């Protein structure tokens, strides 16, 4: 009499006992793959890798090429270009204010000036 053990799928074995972490990891990977597929990231990466495959002249895999290809589909790129000079202007003004604040704090410390208790009345903004 020969005994045949029932063969079960791998999910059964992953759910048993100490192997629950492996099952959780398997489920998380599956969910992540589905997320990549839903957002179109997987398709975009596949397109980029196909470019590498079809163009042997390209260095494999150039991070700069990957970055430019991934960012190329940014719909706000033109608006970002317009705002970049304003950002630099605001950064330089912020640096000026930080220096001015430090200078005024030093003057405040050296002159032994004390603030009155009610400073909220002097907020002329």
N, C-alpha and C. Protein backbone atom coordinates (compact mmCIF):
# COMPACT_ATOMS: atom_id res chain seq x y z
N UNK A 1 0.83 -1.17 0.00
CA UNK A 1 0.00 0.00 0.00
C UNK A 1 0.89 1.24 0.00
N UNK A 2 0.69 2.05 -0.97
CA UNK A 2 1.52 3.24 -1.14
C UNK A 2 0.75 4.47 -0.67
N UNK A 3 1.40 5.30 0.13
CA UNK A 3 0.76 6.50 0.67
C UNK A 3 1.16 7.69 -0.19
N UNK A 4 0.17 8.40 -0.71
CA UNK A 4 0.44 9.60 -1.51
C UNK A 4 0.01 10.82 -0.71
N UNK A 5 0.95 11.72 -0.55
CA UNK A 5 0.66 12.96 0.18
C UNK A 5 0.05 13.97 -0.78
N UNK A 6 -0.95 14.67 -0.30
CA UNK A 6 -1.61 15.67 -1.12
C UNK A 6 -0.65 16.84 -1.35
N UNK A 7 -0.50 17.25 -2.58
CA UNK A 7 0.36 18.38 -2.92
C UNK A 7 -0.49 19.64 -2.93
N UNK A 8 -0.06 20.63 -2.18
CA UNK A 8 -0.81 21.87 -2.07
C UNK A 8 -0.03 22.99 -2.74
N UNK A 9 -0.72 24.06 -3.01
CA UNK A 9 -0.02 25.20 -3.63
C UNK A 9 0.88 25.89 -2.61
N UNK A 10 1.76 26.75 -3.10
CA UNK A 10 2.76 27.36 -2.22
C UNK A 10 2.13 28.30 -1.19
N UNK A 11 0.96 28.87 -1.48
CA UNK A 11 0.31 29.75 -0.51
C UNK A 11 -0.02 29.01 0.78
N UNK A 12 -0.39 27.74 0.66
CA UNK A 12 -0.68 26.95 1.85
C UNK A 12 0.54 26.85 2.74
N UNK A 13 1.70 26.60 2.13
CA UNK A 13 2.92 26.45 2.92
C UNK A 13 3.41 27.78 3.48
N UNK A 14 3.18 28.84 2.74
CA UNK A 14 3.61 30.15 3.22
C UNK A 14 2.77 30.64 4.38
N UNK A 15 1.53 30.21 4.49
CA UNK A 15 0.65 30.63 5.56
C UNK A 15 0.91 29.89 6.86
N UNK A 16 1.58 28.77 6.81
CA UNK A 16 1.75 27.94 8.00
C UNK A 16 2.86 28.46 8.90
N UNK A 17 2.59 28.44 10.21
CA UNK A 17 3.59 28.64 11.25
C UNK A 17 4.47 29.86 11.10
N UNK A 18 5.78 29.62 11.16
CA UNK A 18 6.77 30.69 11.15
C UNK A 18 6.88 31.37 9.79
N UNK A 19 6.31 30.83 8.79
CA UNK A 19 6.50 31.35 7.44
C UNK A 19 5.53 32.48 7.08
N UNK A 20 4.85 33.02 8.05
CA UNK A 20 3.90 34.10 7.74
C UNK A 20 4.62 35.35 7.24
N UNK A 21 5.84 35.61 7.73
CA UNK A 21 6.59 36.78 7.24
C UNK A 21 6.86 36.65 5.75
N UNK A 22 7.20 35.44 5.31
CA UNK A 22 7.45 35.23 3.88
C UNK A 22 6.17 35.46 3.08
N UNK A 23 5.06 35.01 3.63
CA UNK A 23 3.78 35.21 2.94
C UNK A 23 3.47 36.69 2.85
N UNK A 24 3.67 37.43 3.96
CA UNK A 24 3.44 38.86 3.95
C UNK A 24 4.33 39.56 2.93
N UNK A 25 5.58 39.13 2.87
CA UNK A 25 6.51 39.70 1.91
C UNK A 25 6.05 39.41 0.48
N UNK A 26 5.59 38.21 0.24
CA UNK A 26 5.08 37.82 -1.07
C UNK A 26 3.88 38.68 -1.45
N UNK A 27 2.98 38.91 -0.51
CA UNK A 27 1.79 39.73 -0.76
C UNK A 27 2.17 41.18 -1.03
N UNK A 28 3.13 41.71 -0.27
CA UNK A 28 3.57 43.10 -0.47
C UNK A 28 4.19 43.26 -1.85
N UNK A 29 4.99 42.29 -2.26
CA UNK A 29 5.59 42.37 -3.60
C UNK A 29 4.52 42.34 -4.68
N UNK A 30 3.52 41.50 -4.48
CA UNK A 30 2.42 41.40 -5.44
C UNK A 30 1.66 42.73 -5.52
N UNK A 31 1.36 43.32 -4.37
CA UNK A 31 0.67 44.61 -4.34
C UNK A 31 1.50 45.70 -5.00
N UNK A 32 2.82 45.67 -4.77
CA UNK A 32 3.70 46.68 -5.36
C UNK A 32 3.73 46.54 -6.89
N UNK A 33 3.78 45.31 -7.38
CA UNK A 33 3.74 45.09 -8.83
C UNK A 33 2.44 45.63 -9.42
N UNK A 34 1.33 45.37 -8.74
CA UNK A 34 0.04 45.88 -9.21
C UNK A 34 0.01 47.40 -9.21
N UNK A 35 0.62 48.01 -8.19
CA UNK A 35 0.70 49.47 -8.12
C UNK A 35 1.50 50.02 -9.30
N UNK A 36 2.66 49.40 -9.58
CA UNK A 36 3.48 49.85 -10.70
C UNK A 36 2.72 49.73 -12.01
N UNK A 37 1.96 48.68 -12.15
CA UNK A 37 1.19 48.48 -13.36
C UNK A 37 0.08 49.51 -13.48
N UNK A 38 -0.64 49.77 -12.38
CA UNK A 38 -1.75 50.73 -12.39
C UNK A 38 -1.28 52.15 -12.72
N UNK A 39 -0.14 52.54 -12.18
CA UNK A 39 0.34 53.91 -12.38
C UNK A 39 1.06 54.11 -13.70
N UNK A 40 1.32 53.04 -14.42
CA UNK A 40 2.00 53.15 -15.71
C UNK A 40 3.51 53.19 -15.59
N UNK A 41 4.03 53.06 -14.39
CA UNK A 41 5.48 53.11 -14.18
C UNK A 41 6.16 51.94 -14.86
N UNK A 42 5.56 50.78 -14.75
CA UNK A 42 6.14 49.58 -15.36
C UNK A 42 6.22 49.73 -16.88
N UNK A 43 5.18 50.27 -17.48
CA UNK A 43 5.19 50.48 -18.93
C UNK A 43 6.26 51.48 -19.33
N UNK A 44 6.40 52.55 -18.56
CA UNK A 44 7.39 53.58 -18.88
C UNK A 44 8.81 53.03 -18.77
N UNK A 45 9.08 52.27 -17.71
CA UNK A 45 10.40 51.66 -17.57
C UNK A 45 10.68 50.66 -18.68
N UNK A 46 9.65 49.93 -19.09
CA UNK A 46 9.81 48.98 -20.19
C UNK A 46 10.16 49.71 -21.48
N UNK A 47 9.50 50.84 -21.74
CA UNK A 47 9.82 51.63 -22.93
C UNK A 47 11.27 52.10 -22.92
N UNK A 48 11.73 52.57 -21.77
CA UNK A 48 13.11 53.06 -21.66
C UNK A 48 14.10 51.93 -21.88
N UNK A 49 13.83 50.78 -21.28
CA UNK A 49 14.74 49.64 -21.46
C UNK A 49 14.74 49.15 -22.91
N UNK A 50 13.59 49.26 -23.57
CA UNK A 50 13.54 48.89 -24.99
C UNK A 50 14.40 49.84 -25.83
N UNK A 51 14.43 51.12 -25.46
CA UNK A 51 15.31 52.07 -26.14
C UNK A 51 16.76 51.63 -26.01
N UNK A 52 17.15 51.21 -24.81
CA UNK A 52 18.51 50.72 -24.61
C UNK A 52 18.78 49.49 -25.48
N UNK A 53 17.81 48.60 -25.52
CA UNK A 53 17.98 47.36 -26.28
C UNK A 53 18.08 47.62 -27.78
N UNK A 54 17.26 48.56 -28.26
CA UNK A 54 17.23 48.84 -29.70
C UNK A 54 18.38 49.73 -30.15
N UNK A 55 19.00 50.48 -29.25
CA UNK A 55 20.10 51.38 -29.58
C UNK A 55 21.37 50.92 -28.88
N UNK A 56 22.14 50.04 -29.51
CA UNK A 56 23.34 49.53 -28.84
C UNK A 56 24.43 50.59 -28.64
N UNK A 57 24.28 51.75 -29.27
CA UNK A 57 25.26 52.82 -29.13
C UNK A 57 25.21 53.42 -27.73
N UNK A 58 24.04 53.39 -27.10
CA UNK A 58 23.89 53.96 -25.77
C UNK A 58 24.68 53.16 -24.75
N UNK A 59 25.27 53.87 -23.79
CA UNK A 59 25.98 53.18 -22.71
C UNK A 59 24.96 52.51 -21.80
N UNK A 60 25.23 51.31 -21.42
CA UNK A 60 24.26 50.56 -20.61
C UNK A 60 24.52 50.74 -19.16
N UNK A 61 23.56 50.85 -18.31
CA UNK A 61 22.47 51.82 -18.39
C UNK A 61 22.95 53.15 -17.82
N UNK A 62 22.91 54.14 -18.60
CA UNK A 62 23.34 55.48 -18.20
C UNK A 62 22.28 56.11 -17.29
N UNK A 63 22.67 56.45 -16.09
CA UNK A 63 21.71 57.03 -15.15
C UNK A 63 21.19 58.38 -15.63
N UNK A 64 22.05 59.14 -16.28
CA UNK A 64 21.62 60.44 -16.79
C UNK A 64 20.55 60.25 -17.87
N UNK A 65 20.75 59.25 -18.74
CA UNK A 65 19.76 58.95 -19.78
C UNK A 65 18.44 58.53 -19.15
N UNK A 66 18.51 57.65 -18.15
CA UNK A 66 17.30 57.20 -17.46
C UNK A 66 16.57 58.37 -16.82
N UNK A 67 17.33 59.25 -16.16
CA UNK A 67 16.72 60.39 -15.49
C UNK A 67 16.02 61.30 -16.48
N UNK A 68 16.68 61.61 -17.61
CA UNK A 68 16.07 62.51 -18.58
C UNK A 68 14.85 61.87 -19.23
N UNK A 69 14.90 60.58 -19.45
CA UNK A 69 13.75 59.90 -20.05
C UNK A 69 12.57 59.84 -19.08
N UNK A 70 12.85 59.63 -17.81
CA UNK A 70 11.77 59.57 -16.83
C UNK A 70 11.15 60.94 -16.57
N UNK A 71 11.96 61.98 -16.63
CA UNK A 71 11.48 63.32 -16.33
C UNK A 71 10.90 63.99 -17.58
N UNK A 72 11.16 63.42 -18.74
CA UNK A 72 10.74 64.04 -19.99
C UNK A 72 9.22 64.21 -20.07
N UNK A 73 8.47 63.42 -19.35
CA UNK A 73 7.02 63.49 -19.44
C UNK A 73 6.41 64.36 -18.34
N UNK A 74 7.18 65.28 -17.81
CA UNK A 74 6.66 66.16 -16.76
C UNK A 74 5.81 67.25 -17.41
N UNK A 75 4.51 67.27 -17.13
CA UNK A 75 3.66 68.28 -17.77
C UNK A 75 3.90 69.69 -17.25
N UNK A 76 4.53 69.83 -16.09
CA UNK A 76 4.77 71.15 -15.51
C UNK A 76 6.17 71.68 -15.79
N UNK A 77 6.89 71.08 -16.70
CA UNK A 77 8.28 71.47 -16.95
C UNK A 77 8.40 72.92 -17.40
N UNK A 78 7.48 73.38 -18.23
CA UNK A 78 7.55 74.76 -18.72
C UNK A 78 7.29 75.76 -17.59
N UNK A 79 6.33 75.43 -16.74
CA UNK A 79 6.04 76.31 -15.61
C UNK A 79 7.20 76.33 -14.62
N UNK A 80 7.85 75.21 -14.46
CA UNK A 80 9.02 75.13 -13.57
C UNK A 80 10.13 76.02 -14.10
N UNK A 81 10.34 76.01 -15.42
CA UNK A 81 11.36 76.87 -16.02
C UNK A 81 11.07 78.34 -15.76
N UNK A 82 9.78 78.70 -15.84
CA UNK A 82 9.40 80.09 -15.62
C UNK A 82 9.61 80.50 -14.16
N UNK A 83 9.38 79.59 -13.23
CA UNK A 83 9.47 79.91 -11.82
C UNK A 83 10.89 79.83 -11.25
N UNK A 84 11.80 79.18 -11.94
CA UNK A 84 13.16 79.01 -11.43
C UNK A 84 13.87 80.34 -11.14
N UNK A 85 13.81 81.36 -12.03
CA UNK A 85 14.45 82.65 -11.69
C UNK A 85 13.85 83.30 -10.45
N UNK A 86 12.54 83.20 -10.31
CA UNK A 86 11.89 83.75 -9.13
C UNK A 86 12.35 83.03 -7.87
N UNK A 87 12.53 81.72 -7.96
CA UNK A 87 13.03 80.94 -6.83
C UNK A 87 14.43 81.40 -6.43
N UNK A 88 15.29 81.62 -7.40
CA UNK A 88 16.65 82.08 -7.11
C UNK A 88 16.62 83.46 -6.46
N UNK A 89 15.72 84.31 -6.94
CA UNK A 89 15.59 85.65 -6.36
C UNK A 89 15.14 85.56 -4.90
N UNK A 90 14.17 84.72 -4.64
CA UNK A 90 13.66 84.57 -3.28
C UNK A 90 14.72 83.96 -2.37
N UNK A 91 15.50 83.02 -2.89
CA UNK A 91 16.58 82.42 -2.08
C UNK A 91 17.62 83.46 -1.71
N UNK A 92 17.99 84.31 -2.67
CA UNK A 92 18.99 85.33 -2.36
C UNK A 92 18.43 86.34 -1.36
N UNK A 93 17.15 86.68 -1.47
CA UNK A 93 16.53 87.59 -0.51
C UNK A 93 16.49 86.94 0.88
N UNK A 94 16.19 85.66 0.93
CA UNK A 94 16.19 84.94 2.21
C UNK A 94 17.58 84.97 2.84
N UNK A 95 18.62 84.75 2.03
CA UNK A 95 19.99 84.81 2.55
C UNK A 95 20.32 86.20 3.10
N UNK A 96 19.85 87.22 2.38
CA UNK A 96 20.06 88.59 2.86
C UNK A 96 19.36 88.79 4.21
N UNK A 97 18.13 88.31 4.34
CA UNK A 97 17.39 88.46 5.59
C UNK A 97 18.04 87.69 6.74
N UNK A 98 18.60 86.53 6.46
CA UNK A 98 19.29 85.76 7.49
C UNK A 98 20.51 86.54 7.99
N UNK A 99 21.28 87.10 7.05
CA UNK A 99 22.45 87.90 7.43
C UNK A 99 22.03 89.15 8.21
N UNK A 100 20.98 89.80 7.75
CA UNK A 100 20.49 91.00 8.43
C UNK A 100 20.00 90.67 9.83
N UNK A 101 19.31 89.55 9.97
CA UNK A 101 18.83 89.11 11.27
C UNK A 101 20.00 88.85 12.21
N UNK A 102 21.03 88.18 11.73
CA UNK A 102 22.20 87.90 12.56
C UNK A 102 22.88 89.21 12.97
N UNK A 103 22.98 90.16 12.04
CA UNK A 103 23.60 91.46 12.34
C UNK A 103 22.79 92.20 13.40
N UNK A 104 21.48 92.21 13.26
CA UNK A 104 20.64 92.91 14.23
C UNK A 104 20.66 92.22 15.60
N UNK A 105 20.74 90.91 15.63
CA UNK A 105 20.86 90.20 16.91
C UNK A 105 22.15 90.59 17.61
N UNK A 106 23.21 90.74 16.84
CA UNK A 106 24.50 91.12 17.43
C UNK A 106 24.41 92.55 17.98
N UNK A 107 23.80 93.44 17.24
CA UNK A 107 23.62 94.81 17.73
C UNK A 107 22.77 94.81 18.99
N UNK A 108 21.73 94.01 18.99
CA UNK A 108 20.84 93.90 20.15
C UNK A 108 21.59 93.41 21.38
N UNK A 109 22.47 92.41 21.21
CA UNK A 109 23.24 91.89 22.34
C UNK A 109 24.23 92.91 22.86
N UNK A 110 24.91 93.62 21.97
CA UNK A 110 25.94 94.56 22.40
C UNK A 110 25.36 95.83 23.02
N UNK A 111 24.14 96.19 22.66
CA UNK A 111 23.58 97.44 23.20
C UNK A 111 22.81 97.22 24.50
N UNK A 112 22.68 95.97 24.94
CA UNK A 112 21.95 95.62 26.17
C UNK A 112 20.54 96.18 26.16
N UNK A 113 19.92 96.18 25.02
CA UNK A 113 18.56 96.68 24.87
C UNK A 113 17.59 95.62 25.37
N UNK A 114 16.57 96.02 26.11
CA UNK A 114 15.57 95.06 26.61
C UNK A 114 14.23 95.36 25.97
N UNK A 115 13.52 94.30 25.65
CA UNK A 115 12.19 94.45 25.05
C UNK A 115 11.16 94.67 26.14
N UNK A 116 10.14 95.43 25.81
CA UNK A 116 9.06 95.63 26.77
C UNK A 116 8.23 94.35 26.85
N UNK A 117 7.43 94.22 27.87
CA UNK A 117 6.63 93.02 28.09
C UNK A 117 5.58 92.84 27.02
N UNK A 118 4.97 93.93 26.54
CA UNK A 118 3.92 93.84 25.55
C UNK A 118 4.49 94.10 24.16
N UNK A 119 5.04 93.07 23.52
CA UNK A 119 5.62 93.22 22.18
C UNK A 119 4.58 93.03 21.09
N UNK A 120 3.39 92.49 21.44
CA UNK A 120 2.37 92.25 20.43
C UNK A 120 1.75 93.56 19.92
N UNK A 121 1.87 94.63 20.68
CA UNK A 121 1.29 95.93 20.26
C UNK A 121 2.12 96.57 19.17
N UNK A 122 3.35 96.11 18.97
CA UNK A 122 4.25 96.73 17.99
C UNK A 122 4.40 95.88 16.73
N UNK A 123 3.37 95.27 16.28
CA UNK A 123 3.46 94.44 15.08
C UNK A 123 2.86 95.21 13.92
N UNK A 124 3.70 95.99 13.26
CA UNK A 124 3.28 96.77 12.08
C UNK A 124 3.73 96.03 10.84
N UNK A 125 3.00 95.05 10.43
CA UNK A 125 3.40 94.26 9.26
C UNK A 125 2.65 94.65 8.05
